[in-house]
Amino acid sequence: MFKNKLHPGIPKPRLFTVGRLDVATTGLIIVTNDGEFAQRLSHPSNELSKEYIATVDGSVHKRHLIAISEGTVIEGTKCIPDLVELLPGQPDASRPRLRIVVHEGRNHEVRELVKYAGLQIYSLKRVRIGEFRLPSDLGLGKYVELKQADIKLLDANSQKIA
């Protein structure tokens, strides 16, 4: 147990993450000191959706989108995304971007789906968990404190299934 230097005898609060991001993925991660809340959101039975923007190298064709949509087997389990969509090109972006929504959150699920389709990820960013969307103006390494309404919305989604 960690000790609190400012208040001896009182343990430091623990922090829990809702899900995880691999070292090469950026974006939204929820950190809380409420372990039960984190568990409710993270539990697989919750099926809380997670949205990613995958920037890929090369060209994206209909066959790639179909392959991703059909899913693949990851760690012995068939994983099928909820949504796959090619985003419109942007003047400041030379690479195609895909919006992929999953609910299982298996280890490297989005990366494996894209790889199975024959594409290579240039960058991957999680932009939404449940109904909470990453603020578009939030810089890398920055954070915002969730409002009570955001927490209630996330928690309400997790308690529908749990």
N, C-alpha and C. Protein backbone atom coordinates (compact mmCIF):
# COMPACT_ATOMS: atom_id res chain seq x y z
N MET A 1 0.84 -1.17 0.00
CA MET A 1 0.00 0.00 0.00
C MET A 1 0.89 1.24 0.00
N PHE A 2 0.58 2.19 -0.87
CA PHE A 2 1.35 3.42 -0.97
C PHE A 2 0.93 4.39 0.13
N LYS A 3 1.90 5.07 0.69
CA LYS A 3 1.63 6.04 1.75
C LYS A 3 1.51 7.44 1.17
N ASN A 4 0.66 8.23 1.77
CA ASN A 4 0.45 9.60 1.38
C ASN A 4 1.39 10.48 2.21
N LYS A 5 2.37 11.13 1.57
CA LYS A 5 3.37 11.92 2.29
C LYS A 5 2.76 13.15 2.97
N LEU A 6 1.72 13.71 2.37
CA LEU A 6 1.08 14.89 2.97
C LEU A 6 0.23 14.52 4.18
N HIS A 7 -0.34 13.33 4.15
CA HIS A 7 -1.22 12.88 5.23
C HIS A 7 -0.82 11.47 5.62
N PRO A 8 0.23 11.34 6.46
CA PRO A 8 0.70 10.02 6.85
C PRO A 8 -0.43 9.19 7.44
N GLY A 9 -0.42 7.91 7.11
CA GLY A 9 -1.45 7.01 7.60
C GLY A 9 -2.64 6.89 6.67
N ILE A 10 -2.76 7.83 5.73
CA ILE A 10 -3.85 7.77 4.76
C ILE A 10 -3.26 7.31 3.43
N PRO A 11 -3.73 6.17 2.90
CA PRO A 11 -3.16 5.68 1.64
C PRO A 11 -3.49 6.62 0.48
N LYS A 12 -2.57 6.67 -0.50
CA LYS A 12 -2.81 7.44 -1.72
C LYS A 12 -3.98 6.81 -2.46
N PRO A 13 -4.79 7.63 -3.13
CA PRO A 13 -5.89 7.04 -3.90
C PRO A 13 -5.32 6.24 -5.08
N ARG A 14 -5.97 5.13 -5.38
CA ARG A 14 -5.56 4.33 -6.54
C ARG A 14 -6.25 4.86 -7.78
N LEU A 15 -5.59 4.71 -8.90
CA LEU A 15 -6.17 5.11 -10.17
C LEU A 15 -6.38 3.87 -11.02
N PHE A 16 -7.50 3.84 -11.72
CA PHE A 16 -7.87 2.73 -12.58
C PHE A 16 -8.14 3.27 -13.97
N THR A 17 -7.75 2.51 -14.98
CA THR A 17 -8.04 2.91 -16.35
C THR A 17 -9.18 2.07 -16.90
N VAL A 18 -9.95 2.68 -17.76
CA VAL A 18 -11.00 1.97 -18.47
C VAL A 18 -10.40 1.58 -19.80
N GLY A 19 -10.08 0.31 -19.93
CA GLY A 19 -9.41 -0.18 -21.13
C GLY A 19 -7.94 0.20 -21.11
N ARG A 20 -7.33 0.06 -22.24
CA ARG A 20 -5.91 0.37 -22.36
C ARG A 20 -5.62 0.73 -23.82
N LEU A 21 -4.50 1.39 -24.02
CA LEU A 21 -4.03 1.70 -25.36
C LEU A 21 -2.62 1.15 -25.49
N ASP A 22 -2.32 0.54 -26.64
CA ASP A 22 -0.95 0.07 -26.83
C ASP A 22 -0.04 1.28 -27.07
N VAL A 23 1.24 1.04 -27.04
CA VAL A 23 2.22 2.12 -27.11
C VAL A 23 2.13 2.92 -28.41
N ALA A 24 1.61 2.32 -29.46
CA ALA A 24 1.54 3.00 -30.76
C ALA A 24 0.16 3.60 -31.04
N THR A 25 -0.75 3.58 -30.06
CA THR A 25 -2.09 4.12 -30.24
C THR A 25 -2.26 5.34 -29.36
N THR A 26 -2.88 6.38 -29.92
CA THR A 26 -3.15 7.59 -29.15
C THR A 26 -4.64 7.70 -28.91
N GLY A 27 -5.03 8.71 -28.14
CA GLY A 27 -6.45 8.99 -28.00
C GLY A 27 -6.99 8.84 -26.60
N LEU A 28 -8.27 8.59 -26.55
CA LEU A 28 -9.06 8.61 -25.33
C LEU A 28 -8.78 7.42 -24.43
N ILE A 29 -8.49 7.73 -23.18
CA ILE A 29 -8.43 6.72 -22.13
C ILE A 29 -9.05 7.37 -20.90
N ILE A 30 -9.91 6.65 -20.22
CA ILE A 30 -10.57 7.18 -19.04
C ILE A 30 -9.83 6.67 -17.82
N VAL A 31 -9.47 7.61 -16.93
CA VAL A 31 -8.77 7.29 -15.69
C VAL A 31 -9.68 7.73 -14.54
N THR A 32 -9.87 6.85 -13.56
CA THR A 32 -10.75 7.14 -12.45
C THR A 32 -10.18 6.60 -11.15
N ASN A 33 -10.64 7.13 -10.03
CA ASN A 33 -10.26 6.57 -8.74
C ASN A 33 -11.37 5.66 -8.20
N ASP A 34 -12.40 5.42 -9.00
CA ASP A 34 -13.53 4.56 -8.63
C ASP A 34 -13.36 3.21 -9.33
N GLY A 35 -12.83 2.24 -8.59
CA GLY A 35 -12.56 0.93 -9.16
C GLY A 35 -13.79 0.21 -9.66
N GLU A 36 -14.90 0.33 -8.94
CA GLU A 36 -16.15 -0.33 -9.36
C GLU A 36 -16.66 0.26 -10.67
N PHE A 37 -16.57 1.57 -10.80
CA PHE A 37 -16.97 2.25 -12.03
C PHE A 37 -16.11 1.77 -13.20
N ALA A 38 -14.80 1.72 -12.99
CA ALA A 38 -13.88 1.26 -14.03
C ALA A 38 -14.20 -0.18 -14.43
N GLN A 39 -14.49 -1.04 -13.46
CA GLN A 39 -14.81 -2.44 -13.74
C GLN A 39 -16.11 -2.55 -14.54
N ARG A 40 -17.12 -1.77 -14.15
CA ARG A 40 -18.40 -1.81 -14.88
C ARG A 40 -18.19 -1.42 -16.34
N LEU A 41 -17.40 -0.37 -16.57
CA LEU A 41 -17.18 0.08 -17.95
C LEU A 41 -16.31 -0.90 -18.74
N SER A 42 -15.35 -1.52 -18.07
CA SER A 42 -14.38 -2.39 -18.75
C SER A 42 -14.88 -3.81 -18.99
N HIS A 43 -15.85 -4.24 -18.22
CA HIS A 43 -16.27 -5.65 -18.30
C HIS A 43 -16.79 -5.98 -19.69
N PRO A 44 -16.36 -7.12 -20.27
CA PRO A 44 -16.76 -7.48 -21.64
C PRO A 44 -18.28 -7.59 -21.83
N SER A 45 -19.01 -7.97 -20.79
CA SER A 45 -20.47 -8.11 -20.94
C SER A 45 -21.13 -6.75 -21.19
N ASN A 46 -20.43 -5.69 -20.87
CA ASN A 46 -20.92 -4.34 -21.07
C ASN A 46 -21.07 -4.00 -22.55
N GLU A 47 -20.17 -4.53 -23.38
CA GLU A 47 -20.16 -4.27 -24.82
C GLU A 47 -20.19 -2.77 -25.14
N LEU A 48 -19.46 -1.99 -24.35
CA LEU A 48 -19.36 -0.56 -24.56
C LEU A 48 -18.58 -0.32 -25.85
N SER A 49 -19.16 0.44 -26.77
CA SER A 49 -18.50 0.65 -28.06
C SER A 49 -17.31 1.59 -27.93
N LYS A 50 -16.32 1.35 -28.77
CA LYS A 50 -15.12 2.17 -28.85
C LYS A 50 -14.89 2.50 -30.31
N GLU A 51 -14.68 3.78 -30.59
CA GLU A 51 -14.49 4.23 -31.97
C GLU A 51 -13.04 4.65 -32.18
N TYR A 52 -12.49 4.19 -33.29
CA TYR A 52 -11.10 4.48 -33.64
C TYR A 52 -11.05 5.12 -35.02
N ILE A 53 -10.05 5.97 -35.21
CA ILE A 53 -9.72 6.48 -36.53
C ILE A 53 -8.36 5.86 -36.90
N ALA A 54 -8.38 5.04 -37.93
CA ALA A 54 -7.16 4.39 -38.40
C ALA A 54 -6.72 5.08 -39.68
N THR A 55 -5.53 5.65 -39.65
CA THR A 55 -4.93 6.23 -40.85
C THR A 55 -4.05 5.14 -41.44
N VAL A 56 -4.24 4.87 -42.73
CA VAL A 56 -3.54 3.74 -43.35
C VAL A 56 -2.66 4.20 -44.51
N ASP A 57 -1.68 3.36 -44.80
CA ASP A 57 -0.82 3.60 -45.96
C ASP A 57 -1.49 3.01 -47.19
N GLY A 58 -1.25 3.63 -48.32
CA GLY A 58 -1.77 3.09 -49.58
C GLY A 58 -3.20 3.51 -49.84
N SER A 59 -3.83 2.80 -50.78
CA SER A 59 -5.21 3.08 -51.18
C SER A 59 -6.16 2.10 -50.51
N VAL A 60 -7.35 2.57 -50.21
CA VAL A 60 -8.38 1.72 -49.63
C VAL A 60 -9.44 1.46 -50.69
N HIS A 61 -9.72 0.18 -50.93
CA HIS A 61 -10.71 -0.22 -51.92
C HIS A 61 -11.87 -0.91 -51.22
N LYS A 62 -12.94 -1.10 -51.95
CA LYS A 62 -14.14 -1.73 -51.41
C LYS A 62 -13.82 -3.10 -50.80
N ARG A 63 -12.92 -3.85 -51.42
CA ARG A 63 -12.56 -5.18 -50.91
C ARG A 63 -11.94 -5.09 -49.51
N HIS A 64 -11.19 -4.02 -49.25
CA HIS A 64 -10.60 -3.84 -47.92
C HIS A 64 -11.70 -3.62 -46.88
N LEU A 65 -12.66 -2.76 -47.23
CA LEU A 65 -13.76 -2.46 -46.32
C LEU A 65 -14.60 -3.71 -46.04
N ILE A 66 -14.82 -4.50 -47.08
CA ILE A 66 -15.58 -5.74 -46.91
C ILE A 66 -14.82 -6.70 -45.99
N ALA A 67 -13.52 -6.84 -46.22
CA ALA A 67 -12.71 -7.75 -45.39
C ALA A 67 -12.72 -7.34 -43.93
N ILE A 68 -12.59 -6.04 -43.66
CA ILE A 68 -12.62 -5.57 -42.28
C ILE A 68 -14.00 -5.83 -41.69
N SER A 69 -15.06 -5.54 -42.45
CA SER A 69 -16.43 -5.71 -41.97
C SER A 69 -16.75 -7.17 -41.64
N GLU A 70 -16.16 -8.09 -42.39
CA GLU A 70 -16.41 -9.52 -42.14
C GLU A 70 -15.69 -10.01 -40.90
N GLY A 71 -14.71 -9.27 -40.43
CA GLY A 71 -14.01 -9.63 -39.20
C GLY A 71 -12.93 -10.67 -39.42
N THR A 72 -12.31 -11.05 -38.31
CA THR A 72 -11.26 -12.06 -38.33
C THR A 72 -11.20 -12.73 -36.96
N VAL A 73 -10.47 -13.83 -36.88
CA VAL A 73 -10.31 -14.53 -35.62
C VAL A 73 -9.08 -13.97 -34.90
N ILE A 74 -9.29 -13.55 -33.66
CA ILE A 74 -8.22 -13.01 -32.82
C ILE A 74 -8.21 -13.81 -31.52
N GLU A 75 -7.09 -14.43 -31.23
CA GLU A 75 -6.94 -15.24 -30.02
C GLU A 75 -8.07 -16.26 -29.89
N GLY A 76 -8.43 -16.88 -31.01
CA GLY A 76 -9.43 -17.93 -31.01
C GLY A 76 -10.88 -17.46 -31.02
N THR A 77 -11.11 -16.16 -31.10
CA THR A 77 -12.47 -15.62 -31.09
C THR A 77 -12.70 -14.80 -32.34
N LYS A 78 -13.84 -15.03 -32.98
CA LYS A 78 -14.20 -14.25 -34.17
C LYS A 78 -14.59 -12.84 -33.72
N CYS A 79 -13.90 -11.85 -34.27
CA CYS A 79 -14.16 -10.45 -33.94
C CYS A 79 -14.69 -9.74 -35.17
N ILE A 80 -15.87 -9.17 -35.04
CA ILE A 80 -16.51 -8.46 -36.13
C ILE A 80 -16.79 -7.04 -35.65
N PRO A 81 -16.31 -6.04 -36.38
CA PRO A 81 -16.56 -4.66 -35.95
C PRO A 81 -18.04 -4.28 -36.12
N ASP A 82 -18.47 -3.31 -35.35
CA ASP A 82 -19.84 -2.81 -35.46
C ASP A 82 -20.01 -1.92 -36.68
N LEU A 83 -18.93 -1.21 -37.05
CA LEU A 83 -18.99 -0.27 -38.16
C LEU A 83 -17.61 -0.09 -38.76
N VAL A 84 -17.57 -0.01 -40.09
CA VAL A 84 -16.34 0.30 -40.81
C VAL A 84 -16.73 1.29 -41.90
N GLU A 85 -15.98 2.38 -41.97
CA GLU A 85 -16.33 3.39 -42.96
C GLU A 85 -15.07 4.14 -43.39
N LEU A 86 -14.97 4.38 -44.69
CA LEU A 86 -13.89 5.20 -45.23
C LEU A 86 -14.31 6.65 -45.08
N LEU A 87 -13.50 7.43 -44.38
CA LEU A 87 -13.82 8.84 -44.16
C LEU A 87 -13.45 9.67 -45.39
N PRO A 88 -14.17 10.75 -45.62
CA PRO A 88 -13.83 11.61 -46.76
C PRO A 88 -12.40 12.15 -46.62
N GLY A 89 -11.75 12.35 -47.74
CA GLY A 89 -10.40 12.89 -47.73
C GLY A 89 -10.39 14.31 -47.19
N GLN A 90 -9.28 14.68 -46.58
CA GLN A 90 -9.11 16.03 -46.06
C GLN A 90 -7.94 16.68 -46.78
N PRO A 91 -8.02 17.98 -47.02
CA PRO A 91 -6.94 18.66 -47.74
C PRO A 91 -5.58 18.55 -47.04
N ASP A 92 -5.59 18.50 -45.71
CA ASP A 92 -4.32 18.46 -44.97
C ASP A 92 -3.85 17.04 -44.67
N ALA A 93 -4.56 16.03 -45.17
CA ALA A 93 -4.19 14.63 -44.90
C ALA A 93 -4.01 13.89 -46.22
N SER A 94 -2.83 13.31 -46.41
CA SER A 94 -2.56 12.61 -47.67
C SER A 94 -2.93 11.14 -47.60
N ARG A 95 -3.10 10.60 -46.41
CA ARG A 95 -3.41 9.18 -46.26
C ARG A 95 -4.91 8.97 -45.99
N PRO A 96 -5.44 7.85 -46.47
CA PRO A 96 -6.85 7.55 -46.19
C PRO A 96 -7.08 7.22 -44.71
N ARG A 97 -8.30 7.56 -44.23
CA ARG A 97 -8.65 7.30 -42.84
C ARG A 97 -9.92 6.46 -42.78
N LEU A 98 -9.91 5.51 -41.87
CA LEU A 98 -11.06 4.64 -41.65
C LEU A 98 -11.62 4.89 -40.26
N ARG A 99 -12.94 4.88 -40.16
CA ARG A 99 -13.59 4.92 -38.84
C ARG A 99 -14.03 3.49 -38.55
N ILE A 100 -13.56 2.95 -37.44
CA ILE A 100 -13.86 1.57 -37.07
C ILE A 100 -14.41 1.58 -35.64
N VAL A 101 -15.58 0.98 -35.47
CA VAL A 101 -16.21 0.91 -34.15
C VAL A 101 -16.27 -0.56 -33.74
N VAL A 102 -15.77 -0.84 -32.55
CA VAL A 102 -15.79 -2.20 -31.99
C VAL A 102 -16.41 -2.14 -30.60
N HIS A 103 -16.82 -3.30 -30.09
CA HIS A 103 -17.34 -3.32 -28.73
C HIS A 103 -16.62 -4.31 -27.83
N GLU A 104 -15.82 -5.19 -28.41
CA GLU A 104 -15.13 -6.17 -27.57
C GLU A 104 -13.86 -5.61 -26.94
N GLY A 105 -13.08 -4.88 -27.72
CA GLY A 105 -11.85 -4.31 -27.19
C GLY A 105 -10.75 -5.33 -26.95
N ARG A 106 -10.73 -6.38 -27.75
CA ARG A 106 -9.65 -7.36 -27.62
C ARG A 106 -8.31 -6.71 -27.91
N ASN A 107 -7.26 -7.33 -27.40
CA ASN A 107 -5.92 -6.82 -27.57
C ASN A 107 -5.58 -6.67 -29.06
N HIS A 108 -5.27 -5.47 -29.49
CA HIS A 108 -4.90 -5.15 -30.88
C HIS A 108 -6.01 -5.48 -31.88
N GLU A 109 -7.27 -5.46 -31.44
CA GLU A 109 -8.38 -5.84 -32.31
C GLU A 109 -8.44 -5.03 -33.60
N VAL A 110 -8.40 -3.72 -33.49
CA VAL A 110 -8.51 -2.88 -34.69
C VAL A 110 -7.29 -3.10 -35.59
N ARG A 111 -6.11 -3.18 -35.00
CA ARG A 111 -4.90 -3.42 -35.79
C ARG A 111 -4.99 -4.75 -36.54
N GLU A 112 -5.49 -5.77 -35.88
CA GLU A 112 -5.60 -7.09 -36.53
C GLU A 112 -6.65 -7.08 -37.64
N LEU A 113 -7.76 -6.41 -37.43
CA LEU A 113 -8.80 -6.31 -38.47
C LEU A 113 -8.24 -5.64 -39.73
N VAL A 114 -7.51 -4.56 -39.54
CA VAL A 114 -6.94 -3.81 -40.67
C VAL A 114 -5.85 -4.64 -41.35
N LYS A 115 -5.01 -5.28 -40.57
CA LYS A 115 -3.94 -6.12 -41.12
C LYS A 115 -4.53 -7.29 -41.93
N TYR A 116 -5.56 -7.92 -41.40
CA TYR A 116 -6.21 -9.04 -42.08
C TYR A 116 -6.75 -8.61 -43.45
N ALA A 117 -7.18 -7.36 -43.55
CA ALA A 117 -7.73 -6.85 -44.81
C ALA A 117 -6.64 -6.51 -45.82
N GLY A 118 -5.37 -6.60 -45.40
CA GLY A 118 -4.27 -6.33 -46.31
C GLY A 118 -3.81 -4.88 -46.30
N LEU A 119 -4.17 -4.15 -45.27
CA LEU A 119 -3.75 -2.75 -45.15
C LEU A 119 -2.76 -2.61 -44.00
N GLN A 120 -2.00 -1.52 -44.03
CA GLN A 120 -1.03 -1.26 -42.97
C GLN A 120 -1.40 0.05 -42.29
N ILE A 121 -1.49 0.00 -40.96
CA ILE A 121 -1.84 1.19 -40.19
C ILE A 121 -0.64 2.12 -40.08
N TYR A 122 -0.89 3.39 -40.39
CA TYR A 122 0.11 4.44 -40.20
C TYR A 122 -0.04 5.01 -38.79
N SER A 123 -1.28 5.28 -38.39
CA SER A 123 -1.55 5.75 -37.03
C SER A 123 -2.95 5.31 -36.62
N LEU A 124 -3.14 5.18 -35.30
CA LEU A 124 -4.42 4.74 -34.77
C LEU A 124 -4.76 5.60 -33.56
N LYS A 125 -6.00 6.09 -33.53
CA LYS A 125 -6.43 6.97 -32.44
C LYS A 125 -7.84 6.57 -31.99
N ARG A 126 -8.00 6.35 -30.67
CA ARG A 126 -9.34 6.09 -30.14
C ARG A 126 -9.99 7.44 -29.86
N VAL A 127 -11.18 7.66 -30.42
CA VAL A 127 -11.85 8.95 -30.30
C VAL A 127 -13.14 8.90 -29.50
N ARG A 128 -13.60 7.69 -29.15
CA ARG A 128 -14.86 7.60 -28.40
C ARG A 128 -14.91 6.32 -27.59
N ILE A 129 -15.44 6.42 -26.38
CA ILE A 129 -15.79 5.26 -25.55
C ILE A 129 -17.23 5.47 -25.15
N GLY A 130 -18.10 4.51 -25.48
CA GLY A 130 -19.52 4.68 -25.21
C GLY A 130 -20.02 5.92 -25.92
N GLU A 131 -20.66 6.79 -25.19
CA GLU A 131 -21.16 8.04 -25.77
C GLU A 131 -20.23 9.22 -25.51
N PHE A 132 -19.09 8.97 -24.84
CA PHE A 132 -18.16 10.07 -24.56
C PHE A 132 -17.13 10.18 -25.67
N ARG A 133 -17.10 11.32 -26.31
CA ARG A 133 -16.19 11.58 -27.44
C ARG A 133 -15.02 12.44 -26.98
N LEU A 134 -13.84 12.08 -27.43
CA LEU A 134 -12.63 12.87 -27.16
C LEU A 134 -12.81 14.26 -27.75
N PRO A 135 -12.63 15.31 -26.95
CA PRO A 135 -12.73 16.67 -27.52
C PRO A 135 -11.71 16.84 -28.64
N SER A 136 -12.14 17.33 -29.79
CA SER A 136 -11.27 17.42 -30.97
C SER A 136 -10.12 18.39 -30.77
N ASP A 137 -10.27 19.34 -29.85
CA ASP A 137 -9.21 20.33 -29.64
C ASP A 137 -8.26 19.96 -28.50
N LEU A 138 -8.41 18.77 -27.96
CA LEU A 138 -7.56 18.34 -26.84
C LEU A 138 -6.24 17.82 -27.38
N GLY A 139 -5.15 18.43 -26.97
CA GLY A 139 -3.83 18.07 -27.47
C GLY A 139 -3.32 16.75 -26.90
N LEU A 140 -2.33 16.19 -27.56
CA LEU A 140 -1.70 14.95 -27.14
C LEU A 140 -1.12 15.10 -25.73
N GLY A 141 -1.44 14.19 -24.84
CA GLY A 141 -0.93 14.23 -23.47
C GLY A 141 -1.73 15.12 -22.54
N LYS A 142 -2.77 15.76 -23.05
CA LYS A 142 -3.62 16.65 -22.23
C LYS A 142 -4.83 15.88 -21.73
N TYR A 143 -5.53 16.47 -20.78
CA TYR A 143 -6.71 15.80 -20.24
C TYR A 143 -7.80 16.80 -19.89
N VAL A 144 -9.00 16.28 -19.75
CA VAL A 144 -10.13 17.05 -19.25
C VAL A 144 -10.78 16.23 -18.14
N GLU A 145 -11.36 16.94 -17.19
CA GLU A 145 -12.09 16.26 -16.13
C GLU A 145 -13.52 16.06 -16.63
N LEU A 146 -14.02 14.84 -16.47
CA LEU A 146 -15.37 14.55 -16.93
C LEU A 146 -16.38 15.28 -16.06
N LYS A 147 -17.41 15.77 -16.69
CA LYS A 147 -18.51 16.39 -15.97
C LYS A 147 -19.42 15.28 -15.43
N GLN A 148 -20.19 15.61 -14.42
CA GLN A 148 -21.09 14.61 -13.82
C GLN A 148 -22.02 14.00 -14.88
N ALA A 149 -22.47 14.82 -15.83
CA ALA A 149 -23.35 14.32 -16.89
C ALA A 149 -22.64 13.27 -17.76
N ASP A 150 -21.34 13.48 -18.03
CA ASP A 150 -20.56 12.51 -18.80
C ASP A 150 -20.45 11.19 -18.05
N ILE A 151 -20.18 11.28 -16.75
CA ILE A 151 -20.04 10.08 -15.92
C ILE A 151 -21.36 9.33 -15.86
N LYS A 152 -22.46 10.05 -15.67
CA LYS A 152 -23.78 9.41 -15.61
C LYS A 152 -24.11 8.73 -16.93
N LEU A 153 -23.77 9.38 -18.04
CA LEU A 153 -24.03 8.81 -19.36
C LEU A 153 -23.24 7.52 -19.55
N LEU A 154 -21.96 7.54 -19.22
CA LEU A 154 -21.13 6.34 -19.33
C LEU A 154 -21.65 5.24 -18.41
N ASP A 155 -21.96 5.59 -17.18
CA ASP A 155 -22.42 4.61 -16.19
C ASP A 155 -23.78 4.04 -16.58
N ALA A 156 -24.67 4.86 -17.11
CA ALA A 156 -25.98 4.38 -17.54
C ALA A 156 -25.83 3.35 -18.64
N ASN A 157 -24.91 3.60 -19.58
CA ASN A 157 -24.67 2.63 -20.66
C ASN A 157 -24.17 1.32 -20.10
N SER A 158 -23.29 1.36 -19.08
CA SER A 158 -22.71 0.14 -18.55
C SER A 158 -23.72 -0.65 -17.72
N GLN A 159 -24.69 0.02 -17.14
CA GLN A 159 -25.64 -0.69 -16.27
C GLN A 159 -26.80 -1.27 -17.06
N LYS A 160 -26.94 -0.93 -18.34
CA LYS A 160 -28.00 -1.53 -19.18
C LYS A 160 -27.77 -3.03 -19.32
N ILE A 161 -26.49 -3.41 -19.41
CA ILE A 161 -26.14 -4.80 -19.69
C ILE A 161 -25.71 -5.53 -18.43
N ALA A 162 -24.99 -4.84 -17.55
CA ALA A 162 -24.43 -5.48 -16.36
C ALA A 162 -25.51 -5.92 -15.40
